[in-house]
Full PDB file with SEQRES, HELIX, SHEET, SSBOND, CRYST1, ORIGX, SCALE, CONECT and MASTER records, all heavy atoms in Angstrom:
SEQRES   1 A   38  VAL TYR SER TYR SER GLY ASP ALA MET ARG ASP LEU ASP          
SEQRES   2 A   38  PRO TYR VAL PRO PHE SER LYS SER LEU ARG ARG TRP VAL          
SEQRES   3 A   38  GLU SER PHE GLY ARG LEU ASN ILE ASP TYR SER GLY              
HELIX    1 AA1 TYR A    2  LEU A   12  1                                  11    
HELIX    2 AA2 ASP A   13  TYR A   15  5                                   3    
HELIX    3 AA3 PHE A   18  LYS A   20  5                                   3    
HELIX    4 AA4 SER A   21  ARG A   31  1                                  11    
CRYST1    1.000    1.000    1.000  90.00  90.00  90.00 P 1           1          
ORIGX1      1.000000  0.000000  0.000000        0.00000                         
ORIGX2      0.000000  1.000000  0.000000        0.00000                         
ORIGX3      0.000000  0.000000  1.000000        0.00000                         
SCALE1      1.000000  0.000000  0.000000        0.00000                         
SCALE2      0.000000  1.000000  0.000000        0.00000                         
SCALE3      0.000000  0.000000  1.000000        0.00000                         
ATOM      1  N   VAL A   1      29.009  -5.197 -86.021  1.00  0.00           N  
ATOM      2  CA  VAL A   1      28.365  -4.545 -84.870  1.00  0.00           C  
ATOM      3  C   VAL A   1      28.518  -3.037 -84.939  1.00  0.00           C  
ATOM      4  O   VAL A   1      27.574  -2.288 -84.678  1.00  0.00           O  
ATOM      5  CB  VAL A   1      28.925  -5.099 -83.549  1.00  0.00           C  
ATOM      6  CG1 VAL A   1      28.262  -4.433 -82.364  1.00  0.00           C  
ATOM      7  CG2 VAL A   1      28.734  -6.614 -83.475  1.00  0.00           C  
ATOM      8  N   TYR A   2      29.704  -2.579 -85.357  1.00  0.00           N  
ATOM      9  CA  TYR A   2      29.939  -1.140 -85.489  1.00  0.00           C  
ATOM     10  C   TYR A   2      28.989  -0.531 -86.511  1.00  0.00           C  
ATOM     11  O   TYR A   2      28.470   0.579 -86.321  1.00  0.00           O  
ATOM     12  CB  TYR A   2      31.391  -0.904 -85.911  1.00  0.00           C  
ATOM     13  CG  TYR A   2      31.722   0.552 -86.189  1.00  0.00           C  
ATOM     14  CD1 TYR A   2      32.088   1.397 -85.149  1.00  0.00           C  
ATOM     15  CD2 TYR A   2      31.667   1.067 -87.480  1.00  0.00           C  
ATOM     16  CE1 TYR A   2      32.393   2.725 -85.385  1.00  0.00           C  
ATOM     17  CE2 TYR A   2      31.960   2.397 -87.730  1.00  0.00           C  
ATOM     18  CZ  TYR A   2      32.313   3.225 -86.685  1.00  0.00           C  
ATOM     19  OH  TYR A   2      32.616   4.542 -86.911  1.00  0.00           O  
ATOM     20  N   SER A   3      28.712  -1.278 -87.586  1.00  0.00           N  
ATOM     21  CA  SER A   3      27.882  -0.745 -88.673  1.00  0.00           C  
ATOM     22  C   SER A   3      26.484  -0.415 -88.228  1.00  0.00           C  
ATOM     23  O   SER A   3      25.861   0.517 -88.738  1.00  0.00           O  
ATOM     24  CB  SER A   3      27.818  -1.773 -89.824  1.00  0.00           C  
ATOM     25  OG  SER A   3      29.099  -1.943 -90.393  1.00  0.00           O  
ATOM     26  N   TYR A   4      25.961  -1.153 -87.271  1.00  0.00           N  
ATOM     27  CA  TYR A   4      24.585  -0.878 -86.871  1.00  0.00           C  
ATOM     28  C   TYR A   4      24.453  -0.251 -85.495  1.00  0.00           C  
ATOM     29  O   TYR A   4      23.360   0.234 -85.148  1.00  0.00           O  
ATOM     30  CB  TYR A   4      23.709  -2.145 -86.965  1.00  0.00           C  
ATOM     31  CG  TYR A   4      23.887  -3.196 -85.894  1.00  0.00           C  
ATOM     32  CD1 TYR A   4      23.300  -3.045 -84.639  1.00  0.00           C  
ATOM     33  CD2 TYR A   4      24.584  -4.367 -86.134  1.00  0.00           C  
ATOM     34  CE1 TYR A   4      23.428  -4.013 -83.660  1.00  0.00           C  
ATOM     35  CE2 TYR A   4      24.718  -5.339 -85.169  1.00  0.00           C  
ATOM     36  CZ  TYR A   4      24.151  -5.168 -83.920  1.00  0.00           C  
ATOM     37  OH  TYR A   4      24.292  -6.122 -82.952  1.00  0.00           O  
ATOM     38  N   SER A   5      25.520  -0.195 -84.696  1.00  0.00           N  
ATOM     39  CA  SER A   5      25.335   0.320 -83.340  1.00  0.00           C  
ATOM     40  C   SER A   5      26.311   1.425 -82.939  1.00  0.00           C  
ATOM     41  O   SER A   5      26.124   2.037 -81.903  1.00  0.00           O  
ATOM     42  CB  SER A   5      25.458  -0.804 -82.315  1.00  0.00           C  
ATOM     43  OG  SER A   5      26.783  -1.314 -82.282  1.00  0.00           O  
ATOM     44  N   GLY A   6      27.338   1.652 -83.748  1.00  0.00           N  
ATOM     45  CA  GLY A   6      28.389   2.574 -83.339  1.00  0.00           C  
ATOM     46  C   GLY A   6      27.877   3.953 -82.941  1.00  0.00           C  
ATOM     47  O   GLY A   6      28.153   4.420 -81.835  1.00  0.00           O  
ATOM     48  N   ASP A   7      27.169   4.631 -83.817  1.00  0.00           N  
ATOM     49  CA  ASP A   7      26.736   6.011 -83.559  1.00  0.00           C  
ATOM     50  C   ASP A   7      25.799   6.106 -82.367  1.00  0.00           C  
ATOM     51  O   ASP A   7      25.966   6.973 -81.521  1.00  0.00           O  
ATOM     52  CB  ASP A   7      26.051   6.589 -84.802  1.00  0.00           C  
ATOM     53  CG  ASP A   7      27.032   6.789 -85.952  1.00  0.00           C  
ATOM     54  OD1 ASP A   7      28.236   6.835 -85.669  1.00  0.00           O  
ATOM     55  OD2 ASP A   7      26.578   6.890 -87.098  1.00  0.00           O  
ATOM     56  N   ALA A   8      24.819   5.208 -82.296  1.00  0.00           N  
ATOM     57  CA  ALA A   8      23.825   5.290 -81.223  1.00  0.00           C  
ATOM     58  C   ALA A   8      24.463   5.102 -79.855  1.00  0.00           C  
ATOM     59  O   ALA A   8      24.168   5.843 -78.919  1.00  0.00           O  
ATOM     60  CB  ALA A   8      22.731   4.237 -81.459  1.00  0.00           C  
ATOM     61  N   MET A   9      25.367   4.136 -79.745  1.00  0.00           N  
ATOM     62  CA  MET A   9      25.979   3.886 -78.455  1.00  0.00           C  
ATOM     63  C   MET A   9      26.943   5.008 -78.079  1.00  0.00           C  
ATOM     64  O   MET A   9      27.095   5.337 -76.898  1.00  0.00           O  
ATOM     65  CB  MET A   9      26.700   2.527 -78.464  1.00  0.00           C  
ATOM     66  CG  MET A   9      25.755   1.329 -78.625  1.00  0.00           C  
ATOM     67  SD  MET A   9      24.293   1.375 -77.534  1.00  0.00           S  
ATOM     68  CE  MET A   9      25.068   1.160 -75.927  1.00  0.00           C  
ATOM     69  N   ARG A  10      27.608   5.604 -79.060  1.00  0.00           N  
ATOM     70  CA  ARG A  10      28.483   6.729 -78.758  1.00  0.00           C  
ATOM     71  C   ARG A  10      27.667   7.938 -78.281  1.00  0.00           C  
ATOM     72  O   ARG A  10      28.099   8.685 -77.402  1.00  0.00           O  
ATOM     73  CB  ARG A  10      29.325   7.101 -79.976  1.00  0.00           C  
ATOM     74  CG  ARG A  10      30.613   6.276 -80.093  1.00  0.00           C  
ATOM     75  CD  ARG A  10      31.567   6.905 -81.094  1.00  0.00           C  
ATOM     76  NE  ARG A  10      30.975   7.015 -82.419  1.00  0.00           N  
ATOM     77  CZ  ARG A  10      30.938   6.015 -83.287  1.00  0.00           C  
ATOM     78  NH1 ARG A  10      31.425   4.841 -82.968  1.00  0.00           N  
ATOM     79  NH2 ARG A  10      30.396   6.173 -84.475  1.00  0.00           N  
ATOM     80  N   ASP A  11      26.478   8.134 -78.857  1.00  0.00           N  
ATOM     81  CA  ASP A  11      25.627   9.246 -78.428  1.00  0.00           C  
ATOM     82  C   ASP A  11      25.122   9.026 -77.001  1.00  0.00           C  
ATOM     83  O   ASP A  11      24.896   9.998 -76.266  1.00  0.00           O  
ATOM     84  CB  ASP A  11      24.435   9.387 -79.390  1.00  0.00           C  
ATOM     85  CG  ASP A  11      24.862   9.924 -80.758  1.00  0.00           C  
ATOM     86  OD1 ASP A  11      25.989  10.465 -80.867  1.00  0.00           O  
ATOM     87  OD2 ASP A  11      24.088   9.740 -81.719  1.00  0.00           O  
ATOM     88  N   LEU A  12      24.944   7.778 -76.623  1.00  0.00           N  
ATOM     89  CA  LEU A  12      24.486   7.467 -75.267  1.00  0.00           C  
ATOM     90  C   LEU A  12      25.606   7.674 -74.241  1.00  0.00           C  
ATOM     91  O   LEU A  12      25.347   7.960 -73.062  1.00  0.00           O  
ATOM     92  CB  LEU A  12      23.983   6.011 -75.206  1.00  0.00           C  
ATOM     93  CG  LEU A  12      23.540   5.471 -73.831  1.00  0.00           C  
ATOM     94  CD1 LEU A  12      22.279   6.209 -73.347  1.00  0.00           C  
ATOM     95  CD2 LEU A  12      23.296   3.970 -73.869  1.00  0.00           C  
ATOM     96  N   ASP A  13      26.841   7.511 -74.683  1.00  0.00           N  
ATOM     97  CA  ASP A  13      27.988   7.430 -73.785  1.00  0.00           C  
ATOM     98  C   ASP A  13      28.054   8.544 -72.723  1.00  0.00           C  
ATOM     99  O   ASP A  13      28.290   8.251 -71.549  1.00  0.00           O  
ATOM    100  CB  ASP A  13      29.290   7.405 -74.597  1.00  0.00           C  
ATOM    101  CG  ASP A  13      30.431   6.752 -73.846  1.00  0.00           C  
ATOM    102  OD1 ASP A  13      30.290   5.564 -73.483  1.00  0.00           O  
ATOM    103  OD2 ASP A  13      31.437   7.427 -73.605  1.00  0.00           O  
ATOM    104  N   PRO A  14      27.846   9.837 -73.065  1.00  0.00           N  
ATOM    105  CA  PRO A  14      27.946  10.888 -72.044  1.00  0.00           C  
ATOM    106  C   PRO A  14      26.890  10.750 -70.936  1.00  0.00           C  
ATOM    107  O   PRO A  14      27.065  11.332 -69.853  1.00  0.00           O  
ATOM    108  CB  PRO A  14      27.706  12.181 -72.839  1.00  0.00           C  
ATOM    109  CG  PRO A  14      27.969  11.837 -74.269  1.00  0.00           C  
ATOM    110  CD  PRO A  14      27.559  10.416 -74.407  1.00  0.00           C  
ATOM    111  N   TYR A  15      25.842  10.007 -71.184  1.00  0.00           N  
ATOM    112  CA  TYR A  15      24.746   9.883 -70.209  1.00  0.00           C  
ATOM    113  C   TYR A  15      24.920   8.667 -69.284  1.00  0.00           C  
ATOM    114  O   TYR A  15      24.183   8.545 -68.307  1.00  0.00           O  
ATOM    115  CB  TYR A  15      23.396   9.775 -70.943  1.00  0.00           C  
ATOM    116  CG  TYR A  15      23.096  10.990 -71.774  1.00  0.00           C  
ATOM    117  CD1 TYR A  15      23.480  11.081 -73.106  1.00  0.00           C  
ATOM    118  CD2 TYR A  15      22.450  12.089 -71.198  1.00  0.00           C  
ATOM    119  CE1 TYR A  15      23.217  12.216 -73.855  1.00  0.00           C  
ATOM    120  CE2 TYR A  15      22.172  13.238 -71.942  1.00  0.00           C  
ATOM    121  CZ  TYR A  15      22.583  13.296 -73.273  1.00  0.00           C  
ATOM    122  OH  TYR A  15      22.326  14.418 -74.004  1.00  0.00           O  
ATOM    123  N   VAL A  16      25.875   7.809 -69.601  1.00  0.00           N  
ATOM    124  CA  VAL A  16      26.093   6.616 -68.756  1.00  0.00           C  
ATOM    125  C   VAL A  16      27.591   6.463 -68.425  1.00  0.00           C  
ATOM    126  O   VAL A  16      28.198   5.445 -68.727  1.00  0.00           O  
ATOM    127  CB  VAL A  16      25.556   5.335 -69.429  1.00  0.00           C  
ATOM    128  CG1 VAL A  16      24.053   5.268 -69.346  1.00  0.00           C  
ATOM    129  CG2 VAL A  16      26.016   5.243 -70.891  1.00  0.00           C  
ATOM    130  N   PRO A  17      28.186   7.458 -67.765  1.00  0.00           N  
ATOM    131  CA  PRO A  17      29.588   7.328 -67.392  1.00  0.00           C  
ATOM    132  C   PRO A  17      29.761   6.203 -66.376  1.00  0.00           C  
ATOM    133  O   PRO A  17      28.901   6.024 -65.503  1.00  0.00           O  
ATOM    134  CB  PRO A  17      29.919   8.687 -66.759  1.00  0.00           C  
ATOM    135  CG  PRO A  17      28.602   9.195 -66.257  1.00  0.00           C  
ATOM    136  CD  PRO A  17      27.588   8.720 -67.257  1.00  0.00           C  
ATOM    137  N   PHE A  18      30.840   5.454 -66.517  1.00  0.00           N  
ATOM    138  CA  PHE A  18      31.017   4.326 -65.611  1.00  0.00           C  
ATOM    139  C   PHE A  18      31.141   4.760 -64.159  1.00  0.00           C  
ATOM    140  O   PHE A  18      30.757   4.034 -63.234  1.00  0.00           O  
ATOM    141  CB  PHE A  18      32.257   3.498 -66.012  1.00  0.00           C  
ATOM    142  CG  PHE A  18      32.443   2.304 -65.115  1.00  0.00           C  
ATOM    143  CD1 PHE A  18      31.626   1.199 -65.237  1.00  0.00           C  
ATOM    144  CD2 PHE A  18      33.424   2.312 -64.132  1.00  0.00           C  
ATOM    145  CE1 PHE A  18      31.769   0.116 -64.397  1.00  0.00           C  
ATOM    146  CE2 PHE A  18      33.573   1.226 -63.283  1.00  0.00           C  
ATOM    147  CZ  PHE A  18      32.747   0.121 -63.414  1.00  0.00           C  
ATOM    148  N   SER A  19      31.650   5.972 -63.948  1.00  0.00           N  
ATOM    149  CA  SER A  19      31.819   6.461 -62.567  1.00  0.00           C  
ATOM    150  C   SER A  19      30.495   6.458 -61.807  1.00  0.00           C  
ATOM    151  O   SER A  19      30.483   6.310 -60.575  1.00  0.00           O  
ATOM    152  CB  SER A  19      32.413   7.873 -62.577  1.00  0.00           C  
ATOM    153  OG  SER A  19      31.555   8.772 -63.254  1.00  0.00           O  
ATOM    154  N   LYS A  20      29.367   6.619 -62.531  1.00  0.00           N  
ATOM    155  CA  LYS A  20      28.054   6.673 -61.884  1.00  0.00           C  
ATOM    156  C   LYS A  20      27.395   5.284 -61.770  1.00  0.00           C  
ATOM    157  O   LYS A  20      26.288   5.167 -61.239  1.00  0.00           O  
ATOM    158  CB  LYS A  20      27.125   7.601 -62.667  1.00  0.00           C  
ATOM    159  CG  LYS A  20      27.588   9.050 -62.730  1.00  0.00           C  
ATOM    160  CD  LYS A  20      27.451   9.724 -61.381  1.00  0.00           C  
ATOM    161  CE  LYS A  20      27.816  11.225 -61.478  1.00  0.00           C  
ATOM    162  NZ  LYS A  20      27.759  11.877 -60.170  1.00  0.00           N  
ATOM    163  N   SER A  21      28.049   4.266 -62.280  1.00  0.00           N  
ATOM    164  CA  SER A  21      27.398   2.946 -62.348  1.00  0.00           C  
ATOM    165  C   SER A  21      27.059   2.395 -60.979  1.00  0.00           C  
ATOM    166  O   SER A  21      25.989   1.816 -60.765  1.00  0.00           O  
ATOM    167  CB  SER A  21      28.286   1.956 -63.118  1.00  0.00           C  
ATOM    168  OG  SER A  21      29.519   1.776 -62.457  1.00  0.00           O  
ATOM    169  N   LEU A  22      27.954   2.559 -60.024  1.00  0.00           N  
ATOM    170  CA  LEU A  22      27.707   2.052 -58.664  1.00  0.00           C  
ATOM    171  C   LEU A  22      26.493   2.736 -58.058  1.00  0.00           C  
ATOM    172  O   LEU A  22      25.624   2.092 -57.464  1.00  0.00           O  
ATOM    173  CB  LEU A  22      28.958   2.252 -57.807  1.00  0.00           C  
ATOM    174  CG  LEU A  22      28.936   1.569 -56.436  1.00  0.00           C  
ATOM    175  CD1 LEU A  22      28.989   0.074 -56.589  1.00  0.00           C  
ATOM    176  CD2 LEU A  22      30.141   2.054 -55.596  1.00  0.00           C  
ATOM    177  N   ARG A  23      26.408   4.070 -58.223  1.00  0.00           N  
ATOM    178  CA  ARG A  23      25.275   4.826 -57.699  1.00  0.00           C  
ATOM    179  C   ARG A  23      23.974   4.394 -58.377  1.00  0.00           C  
ATOM    180  O   ARG A  23      22.935   4.256 -57.722  1.00  0.00           O  
ATOM    181  CB  ARG A  23      25.514   6.325 -57.902  1.00  0.00           C  
ATOM    182  CG  ARG A  23      24.526   7.226 -57.202  1.00  0.00           C  
ATOM    183  CD  ARG A  23      24.826   8.694 -57.436  1.00  0.00           C  
ATOM    184  NE  ARG A  23      26.141   9.087 -56.966  1.00  0.00           N  
ATOM    185  CZ  ARG A  23      26.408   9.426 -55.700  1.00  0.00           C  
ATOM    186  NH1 ARG A  23      25.448   9.424 -54.807  1.00  0.00           N  
ATOM    187  NH2 ARG A  23      27.634   9.795 -55.357  1.00  0.00           N  
ATOM    188  N   ARG A  24      24.013   4.184 -59.689  1.00  0.00           N  
ATOM    189  CA  ARG A  24      22.800   3.771 -60.405  1.00  0.00           C  
ATOM    190  C   ARG A  24      22.317   2.414 -59.912  1.00  0.00           C  
ATOM    191  O   ARG A  24      21.115   2.176 -59.803  1.00  0.00           O  
ATOM    192  CB  ARG A  24      23.076   3.721 -61.915  1.00  0.00           C  
ATOM    193  CG  ARG A  24      23.526   5.029 -62.532  1.00  0.00           C  
ATOM    194  CD  ARG A  24      22.483   6.128 -62.404  1.00  0.00           C  
ATOM    195  NE  ARG A  24      22.955   7.386 -62.943  1.00  0.00           N  
ATOM    196  CZ  ARG A  24      23.137   8.500 -62.229  1.00  0.00           C  
ATOM    197  NH1 ARG A  24      22.877   8.529 -60.935  1.00  0.00           N  
ATOM    198  NH2 ARG A  24      23.570   9.608 -62.809  1.00  0.00           N  
ATOM    199  N   TRP A  25      23.267   1.516 -59.644  1.00  0.00           N  
ATOM    200  CA  TRP A  25      22.902   0.183 -59.132  1.00  0.00           C  
ATOM    201  C   TRP A  25      22.255   0.304 -57.747  1.00  0.00           C  
ATOM    202  O   TRP A  25      21.197  -0.282 -57.518  1.00  0.00           O  
ATOM    203  CB  TRP A  25      24.154  -0.691 -59.082  1.00  0.00           C  
ATOM    204  CG  TRP A  25      23.996  -1.982 -58.345  1.00  0.00           C  
ATOM    205  CD1 TRP A  25      23.136  -3.000 -58.663  1.00  0.00           C  
ATOM    206  CD2 TRP A  25      24.677  -2.386 -57.146  1.00  0.00           C  
ATOM    207  NE1 TRP A  25      23.261  -4.019 -57.745  1.00  0.00           N  
ATOM    208  CE2 TRP A  25      24.199  -3.659 -56.824  1.00  0.00           C  
ATOM    209  CE3 TRP A  25      25.648  -1.782 -56.372  1.00  0.00           C  
ATOM    210  CZ2 TRP A  25      24.679  -4.355 -55.695  1.00  0.00           C  
ATOM    211  CZ3 TRP A  25      26.130  -2.487 -55.251  1.00  0.00           C  
ATOM    212  CH2 TRP A  25      25.651  -3.748 -54.933  1.00  0.00           C  
ATOM    213  N   VAL A  26      22.892   1.046 -56.854  1.00  0.00           N  
ATOM    214  CA  VAL A  26      22.357   1.205 -55.506  1.00  0.00           C  
ATOM    215  C   VAL A  26      20.958   1.812 -55.533  1.00  0.00           C  
ATOM    216  O   VAL A  26      20.032   1.354 -54.852  1.00  0.00           O  
ATOM    217  CB  VAL A  26      23.310   2.078 -54.644  1.00  0.00           C  
ATOM    218  CG1 VAL A  26      22.639   2.487 -53.335  1.00  0.00           C  
ATOM    219  CG2 VAL A  26      24.619   1.337 -54.356  1.00  0.00           C  
ATOM    220  N   GLU A  27      20.797   2.864 -56.353  1.00  0.00           N  
ATOM    221  CA  GLU A  27      19.494   3.553 -56.409  1.00  0.00           C  
ATOM    222  C   GLU A  27      18.430   2.691 -57.062  1.00  0.00           C  
ATOM    223  O   GLU A  27      17.306   2.578 -56.572  1.00  0.00           O  
ATOM    224  CB  GLU A  27      19.660   4.866 -57.187  1.00  0.00           C  
ATOM    225  CG  GLU A  27      20.510   5.900 -56.472  1.00  0.00           C  
ATOM    226  CD  GLU A  27      20.780   7.134 -57.324  1.00  0.00           C  
ATOM    227  OE1 GLU A  27      20.508   7.093 -58.566  1.00  0.00           O  
ATOM    228  OE2 GLU A  27      21.261   8.145 -56.781  1.00  0.00           O  
ATOM    229  N   SER A  28      18.761   2.094 -58.193  1.00  0.00           N  
ATOM    230  CA  SER A  28      17.787   1.332 -58.972  1.00  0.00           C  
ATOM    231  C   SER A  28      17.343   0.076 -58.220  1.00  0.00           C  
ATOM    232  O   SER A  28      16.143  -0.197 -58.091  1.00  0.00           O  
ATOM    233  CB  SER A  28      18.361   0.973 -60.326  1.00  0.00           C  
ATOM    234  OG  SER A  28      17.377   0.415 -61.179  1.00  0.00           O  
ATOM    235  N   PHE A  29      18.299  -0.687 -57.703  1.00  0.00           N  
ATOM    236  CA  PHE A  29      17.941  -1.884 -56.944  1.00  0.00           C  
ATOM    237  C   PHE A  29      17.223  -1.518 -55.651  1.00  0.00           C  
ATOM    238  O   PHE A  29      16.311  -2.229 -55.205  1.00  0.00           O  
ATOM    239  CB  PHE A  29      19.201  -2.719 -56.637  1.00  0.00           C  
ATOM    240  CG  PHE A  29      19.595  -3.660 -57.743  1.00  0.00           C  
ATOM    241  CD1 PHE A  29      19.597  -3.255 -59.074  1.00  0.00           C  
ATOM    242  CD2 PHE A  29      19.971  -4.963 -57.453  1.00  0.00           C  
ATOM    243  CE1 PHE A  29      19.973  -4.126 -60.085  1.00  0.00           C  
ATOM    244  CE2 PHE A  29      20.349  -5.833 -58.467  1.00  0.00           C  
ATOM    245  CZ  PHE A  29      20.345  -5.431 -59.788  1.00  0.00           C  
ATOM    246  N   GLY A  30      17.627  -0.379 -55.036  1.00  0.00           N  
ATOM    247  CA  GLY A  30      16.954   0.061 -53.809  1.00  0.00           C  
ATOM    248  C   GLY A  30      15.497   0.394 -54.073  1.00  0.00           C  
ATOM    249  O   GLY A  30      14.618   0.040 -53.281  1.00  0.00           O  
ATOM    250  N   ARG A  31      15.202   1.048 -55.189  1.00  0.00           N  
ATOM    251  CA  ARG A  31      13.811   1.398 -55.496  1.00  0.00           C  
ATOM    252  C   ARG A  31      12.998   0.171 -55.924  1.00  0.00           C  
ATOM    253  O   ARG A  31      11.771   0.178 -55.801  1.00  0.00           O  
ATOM    254  CB  ARG A  31      13.784   2.472 -56.602  1.00  0.00           C  
ATOM    255  CG  ARG A  31      14.284   3.823 -56.096  1.00  0.00           C  
ATOM    256  CD  ARG A  31      14.034   4.928 -57.095  1.00  0.00           C  
ATOM    257  NE  ARG A  31      14.401   6.231 -56.542  1.00  0.00           N  
ATOM    258  CZ  ARG A  31      15.445   6.948 -56.938  1.00  0.00           C  
ATOM    259  NH1 ARG A  31      16.232   6.501 -57.927  1.00  0.00           N  
ATOM    260  NH2 ARG A  31      15.707   8.105 -56.377  1.00  0.00           N  
ATOM    261  N   LEU A  32      13.682  -0.852 -56.441  1.00  0.00           N  
ATOM    262  CA  LEU A  32      12.988  -2.111 -56.739  1.00  0.00           C  
ATOM    263  C   LEU A  32      12.722  -2.903 -55.458  1.00  0.00           C  
ATOM    264  O   LEU A  32      12.065  -3.947 -55.501  1.00  0.00           O  
ATOM    265  CB  LEU A  32      13.830  -2.979 -57.695  1.00  0.00           C  
ATOM    266  CG  LEU A  32      13.910  -2.514 -59.159  1.00  0.00           C  
ATOM    267  CD1 LEU A  32      15.001  -3.288 -59.888  1.00  0.00           C  
ATOM    268  CD2 LEU A  32      12.571  -2.664 -59.868  1.00  0.00           C  
ATOM    269  N   ASN A  33      13.273  -2.418 -54.335  1.00  0.00           N  
ATOM    270  CA  ASN A  33      13.085  -3.064 -53.047  1.00  0.00           C  
ATOM    271  C   ASN A  33      13.793  -4.434 -53.002  1.00  0.00           C  
ATOM    272  O   ASN A  33      13.264  -5.385 -52.423  1.00  0.00           O  
ATOM    273  CB  ASN A  33      11.585  -3.218 -52.728  1.00  0.00           C  
ATOM    274  CG  ASN A  33      11.301  -3.169 -51.241  1.00  0.00           C  
ATOM    275  OD1 ASN A  33      12.201  -2.938 -50.435  1.00  0.00           O  
ATOM    276  ND2 ASN A  33      10.059  -3.423 -50.878  1.00  0.00           N  
ATOM    277  N   ILE A  34      14.949  -4.504 -53.643  1.00  0.00           N  
ATOM    278  CA  ILE A  34      15.763  -5.722 -53.594  1.00  0.00           C  
ATOM    279  C   ILE A  34      16.611  -5.667 -52.336  1.00  0.00           C  
ATOM    280  O   ILE A  34      17.385  -4.732 -52.119  1.00  0.00           O  
ATOM    281  CB  ILE A  34      16.644  -5.857 -54.851  1.00  0.00           C  
ATOM    282  CG1 ILE A  34      15.749  -6.165 -56.069  1.00  0.00           C  
ATOM    283  CG2 ILE A  34      17.700  -6.935 -54.665  1.00  0.00           C  
ATOM    284  CD1 ILE A  34      16.492  -6.200 -57.394  1.00  0.00           C  
ATOM    285  N   ASP A  35      16.463  -6.666 -51.489  1.00  0.00           N  
ATOM    286  CA  ASP A  35      17.105  -6.728 -50.180  1.00  0.00           C  
ATOM    287  C   ASP A  35      18.120  -7.878 -50.192  1.00  0.00           C  
ATOM    288  O   ASP A  35      17.767  -9.005 -50.532  1.00  0.00           O  
ATOM    289  CB  ASP A  35      16.041  -6.961 -49.111  1.00  0.00           C  
ATOM    290  CG  ASP A  35      16.569  -6.876 -47.696  1.00  0.00           C  
ATOM    291  OD1 ASP A  35      17.559  -7.577 -47.377  1.00  0.00           O  
ATOM    292  OD2 ASP A  35      15.998  -6.133 -46.888  1.00  0.00           O  
ATOM    293  N   TYR A  36      19.369  -7.603 -49.811  1.00  0.00           N  
ATOM    294  CA  TYR A  36      20.427  -8.615 -49.844  1.00  0.00           C  
ATOM    295  C   TYR A  36      20.549  -9.407 -48.549  1.00  0.00           C  
ATOM    296  O   TYR A  36      21.491 -10.180 -48.359  1.00  0.00           O  
ATOM    297  CB  TYR A  36      21.770  -7.963 -50.204  1.00  0.00           C  
ATOM    298  CG  TYR A  36      21.914  -7.683 -51.683  1.00  0.00           C  
ATOM    299  CD1 TYR A  36      21.411  -6.513 -52.243  1.00  0.00           C  
ATOM    300  CD2 TYR A  36      22.522  -8.591 -52.534  1.00  0.00           C  
ATOM    301  CE1 TYR A  36      21.535  -6.242 -53.591  1.00  0.00           C  
ATOM    302  CE2 TYR A  36      22.661  -8.331 -53.895  1.00  0.00           C  
ATOM    303  CZ  TYR A  36      22.159  -7.159 -54.416  1.00  0.00           C  
ATOM    304  OH  TYR A  36      22.272  -6.900 -55.752  1.00  0.00           O  
ATOM    305  N   SER A  37      19.601  -9.226 -47.648  1.00  0.00           N  
ATOM    306  CA  SER A  37      19.489 -10.056 -46.442  1.00  0.00           C  
ATOM    307  C   SER A  37      20.779 -10.122 -45.621  1.00  0.00           C  
ATOM    308  O   SER A  37      21.179 -11.181 -45.122  1.00  0.00           O  
ATOM    309  CB  SER A  37      19.045 -11.479 -46.813  1.00  0.00           C  
ATOM    310  OG  SER A  37      17.757 -11.458 -47.389  1.00  0.00           O  
ATOM    311  N   GLY A  38      21.449  -8.965 -45.504  1.00  0.00           N  
ATOM    312  CA  GLY A  38      22.632  -8.913 -44.642  1.00  0.00           C  
ATOM    313  C   GLY A  38      23.906  -9.437 -45.274  1.00  0.00           C  
ATOM    314  O   GLY A  38      24.910  -9.621 -44.575  1.00  0.00           O  
TER     315      GLY A  38                                                      
MASTER        0    0    0    4    0    0    0    6  314    1    0    3          
END                                                                             
């Protein structure tokens, strides 16, 4: 897996910090109009 994906995923890493994951979920699901019905 490292042989074919290591460099590409490391280059992506600064753009997808885990700290922002919750915000990305809230924003992305919100724009998809996904409603959790309370």
